[in-house]
Amino acid sequence: MNEKIFFHLKNSIFGLYMRINFLLFLTLIITFSCSLNAEQEQNLNKAISFFFLSINRDLKLSIAASTHPLILRELKKESDEKLKSYLKPKQYIWTDAIIGKSKTNGAILHIQLKVAMINKDTYVKTSNRLRLYAISEDNGMNWYFVDYKIYESDYCNKFKRLI
């Protein structure tokens, strides 16, 4: 009889030990998988809303204000036409950004966004999402945006790409 109690006690302690380890492991995964804290995410959401409003209403100065300054400088250096082409009105309404990959290096944060697009003429949502990158160099206080074509091109050799 004592052996049965000892066996049951041993198994229940082992089971409790395994459950505690699993919960600790799960907590660590959840804690370290989130790359943004609440304040950084709130600032990013405000910046995304402002940038999308600027894009959707064709507000060129606001688009320029939300674009990473190094990108604007490189486009301007190349030609005025390149810069104007970058700021030209878009044929889609941008909406519903989903956070994709994210990387941090000290105070520098790079976030890949996947943006849903709706055709301005037909109001039909496209099946593909546009990739866009949000970049912060001050630990998430201010955010700038870079189109995926530019982020993945030689224009971005002025700063280190993290993604």
N, C-alpha and C. Protein backbone atom coordinates (compact mmCIF):
# COMPACT_ATOMS: atom_id res chain seq x y z
N MET A 1 0.82 -1.19 0.00
CA MET A 1 0.00 0.00 0.00
C MET A 1 0.87 1.25 0.00
N ASN A 2 1.91 1.24 0.83
CA ASN A 2 2.80 2.39 0.88
C ASN A 2 3.51 2.61 -0.45
N GLU A 3 3.77 1.51 -1.17
CA GLU A 3 4.43 1.64 -2.46
C GLU A 3 3.52 2.36 -3.45
N LYS A 4 2.20 2.09 -3.42
CA LYS A 4 1.26 2.75 -4.33
C LYS A 4 1.19 4.24 -4.03
N ILE A 5 1.14 4.61 -2.78
CA ILE A 5 1.10 6.02 -2.40
C ILE A 5 2.39 6.71 -2.83
N PHE A 6 3.53 6.06 -2.59
CA PHE A 6 4.82 6.63 -2.98
C PHE A 6 4.88 6.80 -4.51
N PHE A 7 4.40 5.80 -5.28
CA PHE A 7 4.42 5.87 -6.74
C PHE A 7 3.53 7.00 -7.23
N HIS A 8 2.33 7.13 -6.66
CA HIS A 8 1.40 8.18 -7.05
C HIS A 8 1.98 9.56 -6.69
N LEU A 9 2.56 9.69 -5.50
CA LEU A 9 3.16 10.94 -5.07
C LEU A 9 4.32 11.31 -5.98
N LYS A 10 5.14 10.32 -6.32
CA LYS A 10 6.28 10.57 -7.21
C LYS A 10 5.79 11.05 -8.58
N ASN A 11 4.78 10.40 -9.13
CA ASN A 11 4.25 10.78 -10.44
C ASN A 11 3.58 12.16 -10.41
N SER A 12 2.87 12.48 -9.34
CA SER A 12 2.21 13.77 -9.29
C SER A 12 3.23 14.90 -9.12
N ILE A 13 4.29 14.66 -8.37
CA ILE A 13 5.34 15.67 -8.23
C ILE A 13 6.07 15.85 -9.56
N PHE A 14 6.35 14.73 -10.23
CA PHE A 14 7.00 14.80 -11.54
C PHE A 14 6.10 15.53 -12.55
N GLY A 15 4.79 15.23 -12.52
CA GLY A 15 3.84 15.89 -13.41
C GLY A 15 3.77 17.38 -13.13
N LEU A 16 3.75 17.76 -11.87
CA LEU A 16 3.73 19.16 -11.49
C LEU A 16 5.01 19.85 -11.95
N TYR A 17 6.13 19.18 -11.75
CA TYR A 17 7.43 19.70 -12.20
C TYR A 17 7.43 19.94 -13.71
N MET A 18 6.89 18.99 -14.47
CA MET A 18 6.85 19.11 -15.93
C MET A 18 5.92 20.25 -16.35
N ARG A 19 4.78 20.40 -15.67
CA ARG A 19 3.86 21.48 -16.01
C ARG A 19 4.48 22.85 -15.71
N ILE A 20 5.18 22.95 -14.60
CA ILE A 20 5.83 24.22 -14.26
C ILE A 20 6.91 24.54 -15.29
N ASN A 21 7.70 23.56 -15.68
CA ASN A 21 8.74 23.78 -16.69
C ASN A 21 8.13 24.20 -18.03
N PHE A 22 7.03 23.55 -18.41
CA PHE A 22 6.37 23.90 -19.66
C PHE A 22 5.86 25.34 -19.62
N LEU A 23 5.24 25.74 -18.50
CA LEU A 23 4.74 27.11 -18.38
C LEU A 23 5.87 28.13 -18.40
N LEU A 24 6.98 27.81 -17.74
CA LEU A 24 8.14 28.71 -17.79
C LEU A 24 8.68 28.83 -19.22
N PHE A 25 8.77 27.72 -19.92
CA PHE A 25 9.24 27.72 -21.30
C PHE A 25 8.30 28.55 -22.18
N LEU A 26 7.00 28.34 -22.02
CA LEU A 26 6.02 29.09 -22.80
C LEU A 26 6.10 30.59 -22.49
N THR A 27 6.26 30.94 -21.24
CA THR A 27 6.40 32.34 -20.85
C THR A 27 7.63 32.97 -21.47
N LEU A 28 8.73 32.25 -21.48
CA LEU A 28 9.95 32.77 -22.11
C LEU A 28 9.76 32.98 -23.60
N ILE A 29 9.12 32.06 -24.27
CA ILE A 29 8.89 32.20 -25.71
C ILE A 29 8.03 33.42 -25.99
N ILE A 30 6.95 33.57 -25.25
CA ILE A 30 6.06 34.72 -25.46
C ILE A 30 6.78 36.02 -25.15
N THR A 31 7.54 36.06 -24.08
CA THR A 31 8.25 37.28 -23.68
C THR A 31 9.27 37.69 -24.72
N PHE A 32 10.07 36.77 -25.21
CA PHE A 32 11.14 37.12 -26.12
C PHE A 32 10.70 37.17 -27.58
N SER A 33 9.51 36.67 -27.91
CA SER A 33 9.06 36.74 -29.29
C SER A 33 8.46 38.11 -29.61
N CYS A 34 8.02 38.84 -28.62
CA CYS A 34 7.49 40.18 -28.84
C CYS A 34 8.65 41.16 -28.91
N SER A 35 8.80 41.81 -30.06
CA SER A 35 9.94 42.69 -30.21
C SER A 35 9.61 44.14 -29.86
N LEU A 36 8.35 44.48 -29.73
CA LEU A 36 7.95 45.84 -29.40
C LEU A 36 7.27 45.88 -28.04
N ASN A 37 7.60 46.90 -27.26
CA ASN A 37 6.86 47.09 -26.02
C ASN A 37 5.60 47.91 -26.33
N ALA A 38 4.78 48.15 -25.35
CA ALA A 38 3.49 48.81 -25.57
C ALA A 38 3.66 50.22 -26.13
N GLU A 39 4.61 50.97 -25.60
CA GLU A 39 4.81 52.35 -26.06
C GLU A 39 5.33 52.38 -27.51
N GLN A 40 6.25 51.48 -27.84
CA GLN A 40 6.76 51.41 -29.20
C GLN A 40 5.65 51.04 -30.18
N GLU A 41 4.84 50.07 -29.79
CA GLU A 41 3.74 49.65 -30.67
C GLU A 41 2.71 50.76 -30.83
N GLN A 42 2.43 51.49 -29.78
CA GLN A 42 1.49 52.61 -29.87
C GLN A 42 2.03 53.68 -30.81
N ASN A 43 3.31 54.01 -30.69
CA ASN A 43 3.93 55.00 -31.58
C ASN A 43 3.93 54.51 -33.03
N LEU A 44 4.19 53.23 -33.23
CA LEU A 44 4.16 52.66 -34.57
C LEU A 44 2.76 52.74 -35.16
N ASN A 45 1.75 52.41 -34.38
CA ASN A 45 0.36 52.48 -34.87
C ASN A 45 -0.04 53.90 -35.26
N LYS A 46 0.38 54.88 -34.48
CA LYS A 46 0.10 56.28 -34.81
C LYS A 46 0.81 56.67 -36.11
N ALA A 47 2.06 56.26 -36.24
CA ALA A 47 2.82 56.58 -37.44
C ALA A 47 2.22 55.91 -38.68
N ILE A 48 1.79 54.66 -38.54
CA ILE A 48 1.16 53.95 -39.66
C ILE A 48 -0.13 54.67 -40.07
N SER A 49 -0.94 55.04 -39.10
CA SER A 49 -2.20 55.74 -39.40
C SER A 49 -1.93 57.04 -40.14
N PHE A 50 -0.96 57.81 -39.67
CA PHE A 50 -0.61 59.09 -40.31
C PHE A 50 -0.08 58.85 -41.73
N PHE A 51 0.78 57.86 -41.90
CA PHE A 51 1.36 57.58 -43.20
C PHE A 51 0.29 57.09 -44.18
N PHE A 52 -0.58 56.21 -43.74
CA PHE A 52 -1.65 55.72 -44.62
C PHE A 52 -2.61 56.84 -45.01
N LEU A 53 -2.94 57.71 -44.07
CA LEU A 53 -3.79 58.86 -44.37
C LEU A 53 -3.11 59.74 -45.42
N SER A 54 -1.81 59.93 -45.28
CA SER A 54 -1.05 60.75 -46.23
C SER A 54 -1.04 60.10 -47.62
N ILE A 55 -0.81 58.81 -47.67
CA ILE A 55 -0.79 58.07 -48.93
C ILE A 55 -2.17 58.11 -49.58
N ASN A 56 -3.20 57.82 -48.82
CA ASN A 56 -4.55 57.71 -49.36
C ASN A 56 -5.12 59.05 -49.82
N ARG A 57 -4.64 60.14 -49.24
CA ARG A 57 -5.11 61.47 -49.63
C ARG A 57 -4.11 62.22 -50.50
N ASP A 58 -3.04 61.55 -50.89
CA ASP A 58 -2.00 62.13 -51.76
C ASP A 58 -1.40 63.41 -51.18
N LEU A 59 -1.07 63.38 -49.89
CA LEU A 59 -0.46 64.52 -49.21
C LEU A 59 1.07 64.39 -49.30
N LYS A 60 1.64 64.98 -50.33
CA LYS A 60 3.05 64.78 -50.65
C LYS A 60 4.00 65.18 -49.52
N LEU A 61 3.75 66.31 -48.88
CA LEU A 61 4.64 66.74 -47.79
C LEU A 61 4.57 65.79 -46.60
N SER A 62 3.39 65.29 -46.32
CA SER A 62 3.25 64.34 -45.21
C SER A 62 3.89 63.00 -45.55
N ILE A 63 3.79 62.59 -46.83
CA ILE A 63 4.46 61.37 -47.26
C ILE A 63 5.97 61.54 -47.11
N ALA A 64 6.47 62.70 -47.53
CA ALA A 64 7.90 62.97 -47.40
C ALA A 64 8.33 63.00 -45.94
N ALA A 65 7.48 63.55 -45.08
CA ALA A 65 7.80 63.63 -43.65
C ALA A 65 7.85 62.24 -43.01
N SER A 66 7.10 61.29 -43.56
CA SER A 66 7.07 59.94 -43.00
C SER A 66 8.08 59.00 -43.65
N THR A 67 8.71 59.44 -44.72
CA THR A 67 9.71 58.62 -45.40
C THR A 67 11.07 58.84 -44.76
N HIS A 68 11.87 57.80 -44.69
CA HIS A 68 13.19 57.91 -44.07
C HIS A 68 14.00 58.99 -44.79
N PRO A 69 14.59 59.93 -44.05
CA PRO A 69 15.31 61.06 -44.65
C PRO A 69 16.46 60.65 -45.58
N LEU A 70 17.16 59.57 -45.27
CA LEU A 70 18.24 59.13 -46.14
C LEU A 70 17.73 58.70 -47.51
N ILE A 71 16.55 58.11 -47.54
CA ILE A 71 15.96 57.69 -48.81
C ILE A 71 15.59 58.92 -49.63
N LEU A 72 14.98 59.90 -49.00
CA LEU A 72 14.64 61.13 -49.72
C LEU A 72 15.89 61.82 -50.26
N ARG A 73 16.94 61.85 -49.46
CA ARG A 73 18.19 62.47 -49.89
C ARG A 73 18.78 61.75 -51.11
N GLU A 74 18.75 60.43 -51.08
CA GLU A 74 19.29 59.65 -52.21
C GLU A 74 18.46 59.84 -53.47
N LEU A 75 17.14 59.86 -53.32
CA LEU A 75 16.26 60.07 -54.48
C LEU A 75 16.47 61.46 -55.06
N LYS A 76 16.60 62.45 -54.20
CA LYS A 76 16.83 63.83 -54.65
C LYS A 76 18.18 63.97 -55.33
N LYS A 77 19.20 63.29 -54.79
CA LYS A 77 20.53 63.32 -55.40
C LYS A 77 20.50 62.77 -56.82
N GLU A 78 19.72 61.69 -56.98
CA GLU A 78 19.66 61.05 -58.29
C GLU A 78 18.98 61.97 -59.31
N SER A 79 17.80 62.49 -58.98
CA SER A 79 17.12 63.47 -59.84
C SER A 79 15.81 63.91 -59.19
N ASP A 80 15.35 65.07 -59.61
CA ASP A 80 14.07 65.56 -59.11
C ASP A 80 12.93 64.65 -59.58
N GLU A 81 13.09 64.10 -60.79
CA GLU A 81 12.06 63.22 -61.34
C GLU A 81 11.90 61.95 -60.50
N LYS A 82 13.01 61.41 -60.02
CA LYS A 82 12.95 60.21 -59.17
C LYS A 82 12.16 60.50 -57.89
N LEU A 83 12.44 61.66 -57.30
CA LEU A 83 11.74 62.06 -56.08
C LEU A 83 10.25 62.29 -56.36
N LYS A 84 9.94 62.97 -57.45
CA LYS A 84 8.53 63.21 -57.80
C LYS A 84 7.81 61.89 -58.08
N SER A 85 8.50 60.98 -58.73
CA SER A 85 7.92 59.68 -59.02
C SER A 85 7.59 58.92 -57.74
N TYR A 86 8.49 59.04 -56.76
CA TYR A 86 8.26 58.38 -55.47
C TYR A 86 7.04 58.97 -54.75
N LEU A 87 6.84 60.27 -54.90
CA LEU A 87 5.76 60.96 -54.19
C LEU A 87 4.46 61.02 -54.99
N LYS A 88 4.45 60.46 -56.20
CA LYS A 88 3.25 60.55 -57.04
C LYS A 88 2.08 59.80 -56.39
N PRO A 89 0.85 60.20 -56.76
CA PRO A 89 -0.33 59.53 -56.18
C PRO A 89 -0.35 58.04 -56.48
N LYS A 90 -0.80 57.28 -55.53
CA LYS A 90 -0.89 55.83 -55.66
C LYS A 90 -2.27 55.46 -56.20
N GLN A 91 -2.35 54.34 -56.90
CA GLN A 91 -3.63 53.90 -57.47
C GLN A 91 -4.43 53.03 -56.49
N TYR A 92 -3.86 52.81 -55.31
CA TYR A 92 -4.53 51.96 -54.31
C TYR A 92 -4.70 52.71 -53.00
N ILE A 93 -5.73 52.33 -52.27
CA ILE A 93 -5.93 52.79 -50.89
C ILE A 93 -5.21 51.79 -50.01
N TRP A 94 -4.36 52.28 -49.13
CA TRP A 94 -3.61 51.40 -48.22
C TRP A 94 -4.39 51.26 -46.93
N THR A 95 -4.47 50.03 -46.47
CA THR A 95 -5.22 49.76 -45.23
C THR A 95 -4.71 48.47 -44.59
N ASP A 96 -5.06 48.25 -43.36
CA ASP A 96 -4.87 46.97 -42.68
C ASP A 96 -3.42 46.46 -42.72
N ALA A 97 -2.55 47.12 -42.01
CA ALA A 97 -1.14 46.69 -41.93
C ALA A 97 -0.99 45.56 -40.93
N ILE A 98 -0.25 44.55 -41.34
CA ILE A 98 0.06 43.42 -40.47
C ILE A 98 1.56 43.41 -40.24
N ILE A 99 1.97 43.28 -39.00
CA ILE A 99 3.39 43.23 -38.68
C ILE A 99 3.94 41.87 -39.06
N GLY A 100 5.00 41.89 -39.87
CA GLY A 100 5.67 40.66 -40.27
C GLY A 100 6.94 40.47 -39.46
N LYS A 101 8.06 40.39 -40.15
CA LYS A 101 9.34 40.20 -39.48
C LYS A 101 9.74 41.47 -38.73
N SER A 102 10.52 41.29 -37.69
CA SER A 102 11.05 42.44 -36.96
C SER A 102 12.43 42.10 -36.42
N LYS A 103 13.29 43.08 -36.45
CA LYS A 103 14.66 42.92 -35.92
C LYS A 103 15.04 44.19 -35.18
N THR A 104 15.82 44.00 -34.13
CA THR A 104 16.31 45.14 -33.37
C THR A 104 17.83 45.04 -33.22
N ASN A 105 18.43 46.19 -33.11
CA ASN A 105 19.87 46.29 -32.85
C ASN A 105 20.06 47.52 -31.99
N GLY A 106 20.05 47.35 -30.70
CA GLY A 106 20.14 48.49 -29.79
C GLY A 106 18.86 49.31 -29.89
N ALA A 107 19.02 50.60 -30.20
CA ALA A 107 17.87 51.50 -30.32
C ALA A 107 17.27 51.48 -31.73
N ILE A 108 17.85 50.72 -32.64
CA ILE A 108 17.37 50.66 -34.03
C ILE A 108 16.39 49.50 -34.17
N LEU A 109 15.22 49.81 -34.73
CA LEU A 109 14.17 48.81 -34.94
C LEU A 109 13.77 48.81 -36.41
N HIS A 110 13.68 47.64 -37.01
CA HIS A 110 13.17 47.50 -38.37
C HIS A 110 12.00 46.52 -38.32
N ILE A 111 10.87 46.94 -38.85
CA ILE A 111 9.66 46.13 -38.84
C ILE A 111 9.16 46.00 -40.28
N GLN A 112 8.91 44.77 -40.70
CA GLN A 112 8.32 44.56 -42.02
C GLN A 112 6.80 44.56 -41.85
N LEU A 113 6.14 45.36 -42.65
CA LEU A 113 4.68 45.44 -42.63
C LEU A 113 4.14 44.86 -43.93
N LYS A 114 3.00 44.22 -43.83
CA LYS A 114 2.29 43.74 -45.02
C LYS A 114 0.97 44.50 -45.08
N VAL A 115 0.80 45.27 -46.16
CA VAL A 115 -0.30 46.22 -46.26
C VAL A 115 -1.33 45.73 -47.27
N ALA A 116 -2.60 45.74 -46.88
CA ALA A 116 -3.68 45.42 -47.81
C ALA A 116 -3.95 46.65 -48.67
N MET A 117 -4.30 46.39 -49.93
CA MET A 117 -4.55 47.50 -50.85
C MET A 117 -5.92 47.33 -51.51
N ILE A 118 -6.61 48.46 -51.67
CA ILE A 118 -7.91 48.49 -52.32
C ILE A 118 -7.79 49.41 -53.52
N ASN A 119 -8.21 48.93 -54.68
CA ASN A 119 -8.15 49.73 -55.90
C ASN A 119 -9.05 50.95 -55.75
N LYS A 120 -8.51 52.15 -56.06
CA LYS A 120 -9.29 53.38 -55.89
C LYS A 120 -10.44 53.49 -56.88
N ASP A 121 -10.33 52.84 -58.02
CA ASP A 121 -11.38 52.93 -59.04
C ASP A 121 -12.50 51.93 -58.80
N THR A 122 -12.13 50.69 -58.51
CA THR A 122 -13.13 49.63 -58.39
C THR A 122 -13.50 49.28 -56.95
N TYR A 123 -12.72 49.76 -56.01
CA TYR A 123 -12.90 49.45 -54.58
C TYR A 123 -12.85 47.96 -54.30
N VAL A 124 -12.03 47.26 -55.08
CA VAL A 124 -11.83 45.83 -54.88
C VAL A 124 -10.49 45.63 -54.18
N LYS A 125 -10.52 44.83 -53.13
CA LYS A 125 -9.29 44.54 -52.39
C LYS A 125 -8.43 43.58 -53.21
N THR A 126 -7.14 43.90 -53.31
CA THR A 126 -6.23 43.03 -54.06
C THR A 126 -5.90 41.79 -53.23
N SER A 127 -5.51 40.74 -53.93
CA SER A 127 -5.17 39.50 -53.22
C SER A 127 -3.77 39.55 -52.63
N ASN A 128 -2.90 40.36 -53.21
CA ASN A 128 -1.52 40.48 -52.71
C ASN A 128 -1.40 41.65 -51.74
N ARG A 129 -0.48 41.51 -50.83
CA ARG A 129 -0.19 42.60 -49.89
C ARG A 129 1.14 43.24 -50.25
N LEU A 130 1.21 44.55 -50.09
CA LEU A 130 2.43 45.31 -50.33
C LEU A 130 3.33 45.20 -49.12
N ARG A 131 4.61 44.98 -49.35
CA ARG A 131 5.56 44.98 -48.23
C ARG A 131 6.09 46.39 -48.04
N LEU A 132 6.18 46.78 -46.80
CA LEU A 132 6.64 48.10 -46.42
C LEU A 132 7.47 47.93 -45.16
N TYR A 133 8.47 48.76 -44.99
CA TYR A 133 9.33 48.66 -43.81
C TYR A 133 9.20 49.91 -42.95
N ALA A 134 9.02 49.71 -41.66
CA ALA A 134 9.00 50.79 -40.68
C ALA A 134 10.35 50.76 -39.96
N ILE A 135 10.98 51.92 -39.87
CA ILE A 135 12.31 52.01 -39.27
C ILE A 135 12.30 53.08 -38.18
N SER A 136 12.82 52.71 -37.03
CA SER A 136 13.00 53.65 -35.94
C SER A 136 14.46 53.60 -35.50
N GLU A 137 15.03 54.76 -35.30
CA GLU A 137 16.42 54.82 -34.85
C GLU A 137 16.53 55.38 -33.44
N ASP A 138 15.38 55.57 -32.79
CA ASP A 138 15.37 56.12 -31.43
C ASP A 138 14.49 55.28 -30.50
N ASN A 139 14.64 53.96 -30.65
CA ASN A 139 13.96 53.00 -29.78
C ASN A 139 12.43 53.10 -29.87
N GLY A 140 11.92 53.37 -31.07
CA GLY A 140 10.48 53.35 -31.28
C GLY A 140 9.73 54.63 -30.99
N MET A 141 10.43 55.72 -30.73
CA MET A 141 9.75 56.98 -30.48
C MET A 141 9.22 57.59 -31.79
N ASN A 142 10.02 57.55 -32.84
CA ASN A 142 9.65 58.07 -34.16
C ASN A 142 9.86 56.98 -35.20
N TRP A 143 8.97 56.93 -36.17
CA TRP A 143 9.02 55.89 -37.19
C TRP A 143 9.05 56.51 -38.58
N TYR A 144 9.86 55.92 -39.45
CA TYR A 144 9.93 56.31 -40.86
C TYR A 144 9.63 55.07 -41.69
N PHE A 145 9.16 55.30 -42.90
CA PHE A 145 8.74 54.19 -43.75
C PHE A 145 9.55 54.16 -45.03
N VAL A 146 9.78 52.94 -45.51
CA VAL A 146 10.54 52.72 -46.73
C VAL A 146 9.83 51.63 -47.52
N ASP A 147 9.60 51.89 -48.79
CA ASP A 147 9.01 50.90 -49.68
C ASP A 147 9.95 49.70 -49.80
N TYR A 148 9.39 48.52 -49.99
CA TYR A 148 10.21 47.30 -50.03
C TYR A 148 11.20 47.31 -51.18
N LYS A 149 10.84 47.89 -52.34
CA LYS A 149 11.76 47.92 -53.47
C LYS A 149 12.99 48.76 -53.13
N ILE A 150 12.78 49.84 -52.43
CA ILE A 150 13.89 50.70 -52.05
C ILE A 150 14.67 50.09 -50.90
N TYR A 151 13.98 49.51 -49.93
CA TYR A 151 14.66 48.90 -48.78
C TYR A 151 15.60 47.79 -49.23
N GLU A 152 15.17 47.02 -50.21
CA GLU A 152 15.96 45.88 -50.67
C GLU A 152 16.93 46.24 -51.79
N SER A 153 17.02 47.54 -52.15
CA SER A 153 17.91 47.98 -53.22
C SER A 153 19.16 48.66 -52.66
N ASP A 154 19.94 49.23 -53.55
CA ASP A 154 21.17 49.90 -53.15
C ASP A 154 20.94 51.24 -52.46
N TYR A 155 19.72 51.77 -52.51
CA TYR A 155 19.44 53.03 -51.82
C TYR A 155 19.66 52.90 -50.32
N CYS A 156 19.48 51.71 -49.83
CA CYS A 156 19.58 51.49 -48.39
C CYS A 156 21.00 51.16 -47.93
N ASN A 157 21.99 51.40 -48.75
CA ASN A 157 23.34 51.13 -48.31
C ASN A 157 23.86 52.20 -47.34
N LYS A 158 23.09 53.25 -47.14
CA LYS A 158 23.48 54.31 -46.19
C LYS A 158 23.23 53.91 -44.74
N PHE A 159 22.32 52.99 -44.53
CA PHE A 159 22.10 52.47 -43.18
C PHE A 159 22.02 50.95 -43.26
N LYS A 160 22.26 50.33 -42.13
CA LYS A 160 22.32 48.87 -42.08
C LYS A 160 20.91 48.28 -42.10
N ARG A 161 20.66 47.42 -43.06
CA ARG A 161 19.40 46.68 -43.12
C ARG A 161 19.45 45.57 -42.08
N LEU A 162 18.42 45.48 -41.31
CA LEU A 162 18.38 44.42 -40.28
C LEU A 162 17.58 43.21 -40.72
N ILE A 163 16.66 43.42 -41.64
CA ILE A 163 15.81 42.31 -42.10
C ILE A 163 16.29 41.88 -43.47
